[in-house]
Amino acid sequence: MQQAEPQSFNVAIVGASTLKGKEIKEALEQRRFPARRLVLLDEEDIRGQLTEFQGEPAVIGSLQRDSFEGVEFVFLAASPAYNRNVWKLADRAGCRVIDLTEALEEEGARIAGPVATGALPDPSGRVCVSAHPAALVVASVLRRMQAAGLTPRRSIVHVFQPASERGSAGIGELHQQTVARLSFHEVPKEIFGSQLAFNLLAAYGEETRPLLAGVEERVARHLARLLPPGIAPPSLRVLQSATFHGHAFSFYLELEQPREAAEVEAAFAGTGYDLRRADQEAPSAVGAVSSEEIMVGDIRPDKNHPGAWWIWAAADNLRLAAVNAVRIAEELAKVKAQ
């Protein structure tokens, strides 16, 4: 009996020239997603840009009425405003839509984080929002602690957000601010509303959108969907750091009983983590670049509170977001194949 050919899919990326769009393309290749054809789409002023996929040339085009004809999976990586304008076109074409921005949260799309949870909340749904990368890391760390029998009764997490969470414009402004400050010139503030270079921000300027507090609310909202029963939601604070790429995290975890350092470290020995022990270089945003693993290290007890631990972590925000989105597509593809 002749064996059936493996199923493959037509895939589209809206916002193919964005930082997230480029990472999705790389994640599709590296994870060997069965893409038969890749459609690269972007806003009008980007059309015609040449790239490649699986060793073949690919051109970024502008959106047309028939752009999603025959396409099974659509990744939305453009600006939220642009995504809101195009997603219904994809939905009407019968595509499975995966949003890497907050655009479709307003439409009631389910938030999915298989990087942290290993599954989808509703495999039959056609529209998903890929969970915020910071929420993926925090949820993953707390779930690992629970799996190791170390569920914290209380946790506090500080999230240090990189400029790349504001896209190419955020990276560009941080670079311009750095150069301007070193040459004693006035710094541009259109993206962050304040000087970020050589600085750490608890809030953006008053006219800046989205507000940093809004990012914090979004991460907390996604965490609520990713954490299982038995794990109390952490107290959360999101700060804007002057790094270009990569989130960094400071975890304070109070356990029910005192534990040995080896027990806490053992929770992160395994797939998905790059555990850095005391004799190794500590996790950093720079060290996490281009890795889909979560770096964890500098695990130390709190001297004033027995049973409390500090953990330092870092992850590539763009790579983690892209891998999570592709894993959503992989899970949806399994359902489609049944």
Protein backbone atom coordinates (compact mmCIF):
# COMPACT_ATOMS: atom_id res chain seq x y z
CA MET A 1 0.00 0.00 0.00
CA GLN A 2 1.39 3.40 -1.02
CA GLN A 3 2.18 5.69 1.93
CA ALA A 4 0.35 9.04 1.99
CA GLU A 5 2.42 12.13 1.34
CA PRO A 6 3.07 14.35 4.41
CA GLN A 7 0.63 17.25 4.54
CA SER A 8 2.01 20.68 3.74
CA PHE A 9 0.47 24.15 3.96
CA ASN A 10 0.46 27.54 2.30
CA VAL A 11 1.56 30.19 4.81
CA ALA A 12 1.43 34.00 4.80
CA ILE A 13 3.26 36.51 6.97
CA VAL A 14 1.70 39.97 7.21
CA GLY A 15 4.41 42.40 8.28
CA ALA A 16 7.19 40.29 6.77
CA SER A 17 9.74 43.12 6.97
CA THR A 18 9.19 43.77 10.70
CA LEU A 19 11.45 42.35 13.39
CA LYS A 20 8.79 39.82 14.35
CA GLY A 21 8.04 38.98 10.73
CA LYS A 22 11.68 38.17 10.02
CA GLU A 23 11.88 35.99 13.13
CA ILE A 24 8.74 34.08 12.11
CA LYS A 25 10.29 33.30 8.73
CA GLU A 26 13.45 32.00 10.41
CA ALA A 27 11.45 29.97 12.95
CA LEU A 28 9.41 28.36 10.16
CA GLU A 29 12.65 27.28 8.47
CA GLN A 30 14.48 26.14 11.60
CA ARG A 31 11.53 24.15 12.94
CA ARG A 32 10.93 22.74 9.45
CA PHE A 33 7.29 23.69 9.41
CA PRO A 34 5.74 21.99 6.34
CA ALA A 35 5.27 25.17 4.32
CA ARG A 36 4.52 24.41 0.69
CA ARG A 37 4.42 28.10 -0.24
CA LEU A 38 5.22 31.26 1.72
CA VAL A 39 3.43 34.53 0.94
CA LEU A 40 5.23 37.61 2.31
CA LEU A 41 3.08 40.71 2.71
CA ASP A 42 3.62 44.18 4.12
CA GLU A 43 2.51 47.77 3.88
CA GLU A 44 2.68 49.62 0.58
CA ASP A 45 6.06 51.28 1.06
CA ILE A 46 7.81 47.92 1.64
CA ARG A 47 6.62 46.04 -1.45
CA GLY A 48 9.22 44.62 -3.80
CA GLN A 49 11.83 43.97 -1.09
CA LEU A 50 13.74 40.78 -1.86
CA THR A 51 14.43 38.07 0.73
CA GLU A 52 14.66 34.27 0.70
CA PHE A 53 12.94 31.22 2.17
CA GLN A 54 14.30 27.67 2.21
CA GLY A 55 17.07 28.69 -0.15
CA GLU A 56 14.72 30.20 -2.73
CA PRO A 57 14.24 33.92 -3.49
CA ALA A 58 11.07 35.50 -2.08
CA VAL A 59 9.59 38.95 -2.69
CA ILE A 60 7.59 40.95 -0.17
CA GLY A 61 4.38 42.15 -1.80
CA SER A 62 1.50 44.42 -0.88
CA LEU A 63 -1.86 43.13 0.29
CA GLN A 64 -4.41 42.35 -2.42
CA ARG A 65 -7.99 41.06 -2.23
CA ASP A 66 -6.86 37.59 -3.28
CA SER A 67 -3.64 37.50 -1.20
CA PHE A 68 -5.02 34.83 1.13
CA GLU A 69 -6.54 32.62 -1.54
CA GLY A 70 -5.44 29.04 -0.88
CA VAL A 71 -3.55 30.06 2.29
CA GLU A 72 -4.08 27.94 5.42
CA PHE A 73 -2.05 29.87 8.03
CA VAL A 74 -1.60 33.63 8.41
CA PHE A 75 0.82 35.21 10.89
CA LEU A 76 0.08 38.85 11.78
CA ALA A 77 3.33 40.69 12.61
CA ALA A 78 2.57 44.17 11.30
CA SER A 79 1.38 47.09 13.45
CA PRO A 80 -1.80 46.42 15.47
CA ALA A 81 -3.70 49.02 13.42
CA TYR A 82 -2.70 47.36 10.14
CA ASN A 83 -3.50 43.90 11.50
CA ARG A 84 -6.99 45.01 12.52
CA ASN A 85 -7.63 46.10 8.95
CA VAL A 86 -6.53 42.86 7.29
CA TRP A 87 -7.37 39.99 9.60
CA LYS A 88 -11.02 39.72 8.59
CA LEU A 89 -9.92 39.28 4.99
CA ALA A 90 -7.87 36.28 6.10
CA ASP A 91 -10.69 34.99 8.28
CA ARG A 92 -13.18 35.18 5.40
CA ALA A 93 -10.74 33.18 3.28
CA GLY A 94 -10.89 30.39 5.85
CA CYS A 95 -7.33 30.89 7.13
CA ARG A 96 -6.13 30.08 10.62
CA VAL A 97 -4.90 33.41 11.96
CA ILE A 98 -2.11 33.84 14.55
CA ASP A 99 -1.62 37.38 15.87
CA LEU A 100 1.71 38.44 17.43
CA THR A 101 0.34 41.83 18.50
CA GLU A 102 -2.60 42.86 20.67
CA ALA A 103 -4.79 43.56 17.62
CA LEU A 104 -7.10 40.55 17.91
CA GLU A 105 -7.45 40.54 21.70
CA GLU A 106 -10.22 43.09 21.16
CA GLU A 107 -11.92 40.56 18.87
CA GLY A 108 -11.99 37.93 21.62
CA ALA A 109 -9.28 35.70 20.15
CA ARG A 110 -7.85 33.10 22.52
CA ILE A 111 -4.42 33.72 24.02
CA ALA A 112 -2.11 30.77 23.42
CA GLY A 113 1.33 30.01 24.83
CA PRO A 114 2.41 26.45 23.96
CA VAL A 115 6.03 27.40 24.75
CA ALA A 116 4.90 27.62 28.39
CA THR A 117 1.87 25.31 28.51
CA GLY A 118 2.65 22.71 25.84
CA ALA A 119 -0.87 22.91 24.40
CA LEU A 120 -3.54 25.22 23.00
CA PRO A 121 -6.55 26.41 25.04
CA ASP A 122 -8.90 25.54 22.17
CA PRO A 123 -7.37 23.49 19.31
CA SER A 124 -10.55 23.92 17.26
CA GLY A 125 -10.36 27.72 17.22
CA ARG A 126 -9.19 29.41 14.02
CA VAL A 127 -7.92 32.67 15.55
CA CYS A 128 -5.22 32.86 18.24
CA VAL A 129 -3.15 35.58 19.90
CA SER A 130 0.41 34.47 20.57
CA ALA A 131 1.11 35.24 24.24
CA HIS A 132 3.46 38.10 25.14
CA PRO A 133 7.06 36.80 25.37
CA ALA A 134 7.47 38.11 28.92
CA ALA A 135 4.33 36.22 29.97
CA LEU A 136 5.73 33.08 28.33
CA VAL A 137 8.92 33.28 30.40
CA VAL A 138 7.22 34.06 33.72
CA ALA A 139 4.59 31.35 33.22
CA SER A 140 7.19 28.81 32.15
CA VAL A 141 9.40 29.45 35.20
CA LEU A 142 6.50 29.23 37.66
CA ARG A 143 5.11 26.09 35.99
CA ARG A 144 8.56 24.45 36.20
CA MET A 145 8.71 25.27 39.90
CA GLN A 146 5.28 23.72 40.40
CA ALA A 147 6.25 20.57 38.46
CA ALA A 148 9.29 20.17 40.73
CA GLY A 149 7.12 20.41 43.84
CA LEU A 150 8.39 23.93 44.59
CA THR A 151 5.26 25.98 44.02
CA PRO A 152 5.87 29.46 45.47
CA ARG A 153 3.25 30.78 47.87
CA ARG A 154 4.22 34.31 46.84
CA SER A 155 6.23 35.70 43.95
CA ILE A 156 7.41 39.08 42.71
CA VAL A 157 8.74 39.52 39.18
CA HIS A 158 10.48 42.52 37.65
CA VAL A 159 10.51 42.44 33.85
CA PHE A 160 13.13 44.52 32.02
CA GLN A 161 11.80 45.19 28.53
CA PRO A 162 14.14 45.81 25.56
CA ALA A 163 13.78 48.51 22.91
CA SER A 164 12.98 45.87 20.26
CA GLU A 165 9.53 45.42 21.83
CA ARG A 166 8.78 48.76 20.16
CA GLY A 167 9.93 47.41 16.80
CA SER A 168 12.57 48.84 14.49
CA ALA A 169 11.51 52.35 15.48
CA GLY A 170 12.35 51.62 19.13
CA ILE A 171 15.78 50.25 18.25
CA GLY A 172 16.43 53.18 15.96
CA GLU A 173 15.51 55.77 18.59
CA LEU A 174 17.64 54.10 21.28
CA HIS A 175 20.59 54.12 18.88
CA GLN A 176 19.99 57.78 17.98
CA GLN A 177 19.67 58.74 21.65
CA THR A 178 22.93 56.96 22.49
CA VAL A 179 24.83 58.73 19.72
CA ALA A 180 23.23 62.09 20.54
CA ARG A 181 24.01 61.84 24.24
CA LEU A 182 27.66 60.91 23.59
CA SER A 183 27.99 63.91 21.28
CA PHE A 184 26.11 66.21 23.72
CA HIS A 185 23.18 66.77 21.34
CA GLU A 186 19.47 66.78 22.14
CA VAL A 187 17.99 63.26 22.07
CA PRO A 188 14.91 62.32 20.00
CA LYS A 189 11.94 61.19 22.13
CA GLU A 190 9.18 60.27 19.67
CA ILE A 191 8.99 56.57 20.64
CA PHE A 192 9.74 56.51 24.37
CA GLY A 193 8.78 60.08 25.28
CA SER A 194 11.88 60.35 27.44
CA GLN A 195 15.60 59.65 27.38
CA LEU A 196 16.07 55.88 27.46
CA ALA A 197 19.77 55.78 26.56
CA PHE A 198 21.92 55.19 29.68
CA ASN A 199 18.68 55.05 31.64
CA LEU A 200 15.91 52.85 33.06
CA LEU A 201 12.29 53.93 32.75
CA ALA A 202 9.33 53.12 35.00
CA ALA A 203 7.01 55.01 32.63
CA TYR A 204 7.09 56.61 29.18
CA GLY A 205 6.31 60.23 28.39
CA GLU A 206 2.68 61.29 28.78
CA GLU A 207 1.99 61.42 25.03
CA THR A 208 3.59 58.02 24.28
CA ARG A 209 1.40 55.08 23.29
CA PRO A 210 1.14 52.32 24.26
CA LEU A 211 1.79 53.23 27.88
CA LEU A 212 4.32 51.09 29.73
CA ALA A 213 1.59 50.48 32.30
CA GLY A 214 -0.52 49.09 29.45
CA VAL A 215 2.24 46.62 28.59
CA GLU A 216 2.31 45.56 32.24
CA GLU A 217 -1.45 44.99 32.20
CA ARG A 218 -1.18 42.94 29.01
CA VAL A 219 1.55 40.70 30.43
CA ALA A 220 -0.52 40.16 33.60
CA ARG A 221 -3.62 39.39 31.52
CA HIS A 222 -1.75 36.79 29.48
CA LEU A 223 -0.23 35.27 32.60
CA ALA A 224 -3.71 34.70 33.98
CA ARG A 225 -4.43 32.53 30.92
CA LEU A 226 -1.12 30.62 31.06
CA LEU A 227 -0.90 29.75 34.75
CA PRO A 228 -2.66 26.58 35.95
CA PRO A 229 -4.69 26.29 39.18
CA GLY A 230 -2.49 26.18 42.24
CA ILE A 231 -0.09 28.94 41.16
CA ALA A 232 -0.85 32.36 42.61
CA PRO A 233 -0.41 35.19 40.05
CA PRO A 234 2.83 37.05 40.76
CA SER A 235 3.15 40.70 41.67
CA LEU A 236 4.48 42.14 38.42
CA ARG A 237 6.39 45.25 37.38
CA VAL A 238 7.51 46.00 33.79
CA LEU A 239 10.39 48.43 33.34
CA GLN A 240 11.87 49.77 30.10
CA SER A 241 15.59 49.02 29.91
CA ALA A 242 18.19 50.54 27.61
CA THR A 243 18.97 47.19 25.95
CA PHE A 244 18.29 46.61 22.27
CA HIS A 245 17.20 42.95 22.38
CA GLY A 246 16.22 40.42 25.02
CA HIS A 247 14.09 40.51 28.14
CA ALA A 248 15.70 40.15 31.56
CA PHE A 249 13.81 39.02 34.68
CA SER A 250 14.32 39.19 38.42
CA PHE A 251 12.23 36.61 40.29
CA TYR A 252 11.64 36.67 44.06
CA LEU A 253 9.98 33.40 45.10
CA GLU A 254 8.80 32.46 48.59
CA LEU A 255 8.48 28.70 49.01
CA GLU A 256 6.42 26.91 51.64
CA GLN A 257 9.52 25.29 53.16
CA PRO A 258 13.29 25.90 53.05
CA ARG A 259 14.98 24.03 50.20
CA GLU A 260 18.50 23.33 49.06
CA ALA A 261 19.96 25.21 46.09
CA ALA A 262 20.40 21.93 44.21
CA GLU A 263 16.64 21.30 44.39
CA VAL A 264 15.80 24.71 42.93
CA GLU A 265 18.43 24.38 40.20
CA ALA A 266 17.19 20.89 39.29
CA ALA A 267 13.80 22.36 38.34
CA PHE A 268 15.44 24.04 35.34
CA ALA A 269 17.66 21.18 34.18
CA GLY A 270 16.03 20.04 30.97
CA THR A 271 14.49 21.01 27.65
CA GLY A 272 13.69 24.66 27.10
CA TYR A 273 16.21 26.03 29.60
CA ASP A 274 19.86 27.02 29.63
CA LEU A 275 20.72 26.58 33.31
CA ARG A 276 23.76 28.61 34.37
CA ARG A 277 25.34 27.34 37.57
CA ALA A 278 27.59 29.29 39.93
CA ASP A 279 30.76 28.53 37.95
CA GLN A 280 29.22 29.69 34.65
CA GLU A 281 28.48 33.11 33.18
CA ALA A 282 25.18 34.45 34.51
CA PRO A 283 22.18 34.89 32.19
CA SER A 284 22.07 38.13 30.21
CA ALA A 285 20.03 39.69 27.45
CA VAL A 286 23.11 39.61 25.21
CA GLY A 287 23.73 35.93 25.95
CA ALA A 288 20.13 35.00 25.17
CA VAL A 289 20.09 36.51 21.67
CA SER A 290 19.11 34.04 18.91
CA SER A 291 18.25 31.28 21.39
CA GLU A 292 14.77 29.91 21.99
CA GLU A 293 15.84 28.65 25.41
CA ILE A 294 15.24 30.57 28.63
CA MET A 295 18.48 31.33 30.43
CA VAL A 296 18.24 30.84 34.22
CA GLY A 297 20.95 31.38 36.81
CA ASP A 298 22.29 33.34 39.77
CA ILE A 299 19.94 31.25 41.93
CA ARG A 300 20.45 32.33 45.51
CA PRO A 301 18.53 32.26 48.82
CA ASP A 302 17.25 35.47 50.37
CA LYS A 303 19.27 36.05 53.54
CA ASN A 304 16.42 37.69 55.44
CA HIS A 305 13.58 35.28 54.60
CA PRO A 306 14.13 31.52 54.99
CA GLY A 307 12.54 29.65 52.08
CA ALA A 308 12.73 32.64 49.73
CA TRP A 309 14.84 32.56 46.57
CA TRP A 310 16.10 34.98 43.94
CA ILE A 311 16.38 33.84 40.32
CA TRP A 312 17.79 35.83 37.40
CA ALA A 313 16.61 34.96 33.88
CA ALA A 314 16.88 36.22 30.31
CA ALA A 315 15.31 35.35 26.96
CA ASP A 316 15.31 36.58 23.36
CA ASN A 317 11.92 38.26 23.14
CA LEU A 318 11.68 38.16 19.34
CA ARG A 319 12.80 34.55 18.96
CA LEU A 320 10.53 33.33 21.76
CA ALA A 321 7.52 35.15 20.32
CA ALA A 322 8.17 33.70 16.85
CA VAL A 323 8.73 30.15 18.10
CA ASN A 324 5.55 30.33 20.16
CA ALA A 325 3.57 31.51 17.13
CA VAL A 326 4.97 28.71 14.95
CA ARG A 327 4.22 26.17 17.67
CA ILE A 328 0.62 27.40 17.66
CA ALA A 329 0.55 26.71 13.91
CA GLU A 330 2.05 23.26 14.50
CA GLU A 331 -0.69 22.41 17.00
CA LEU A 332 -3.39 23.72 14.67
CA ALA A 333 -1.88 21.73 11.81
CA LYS A 334 -2.27 18.54 13.86
CA VAL A 335 -5.96 19.27 14.30
CA LYS A 336 -6.36 20.08 10.59
CA ALA A 337 -4.70 16.79 9.66
CA GLN A 338 -7.11 14.72 11.77
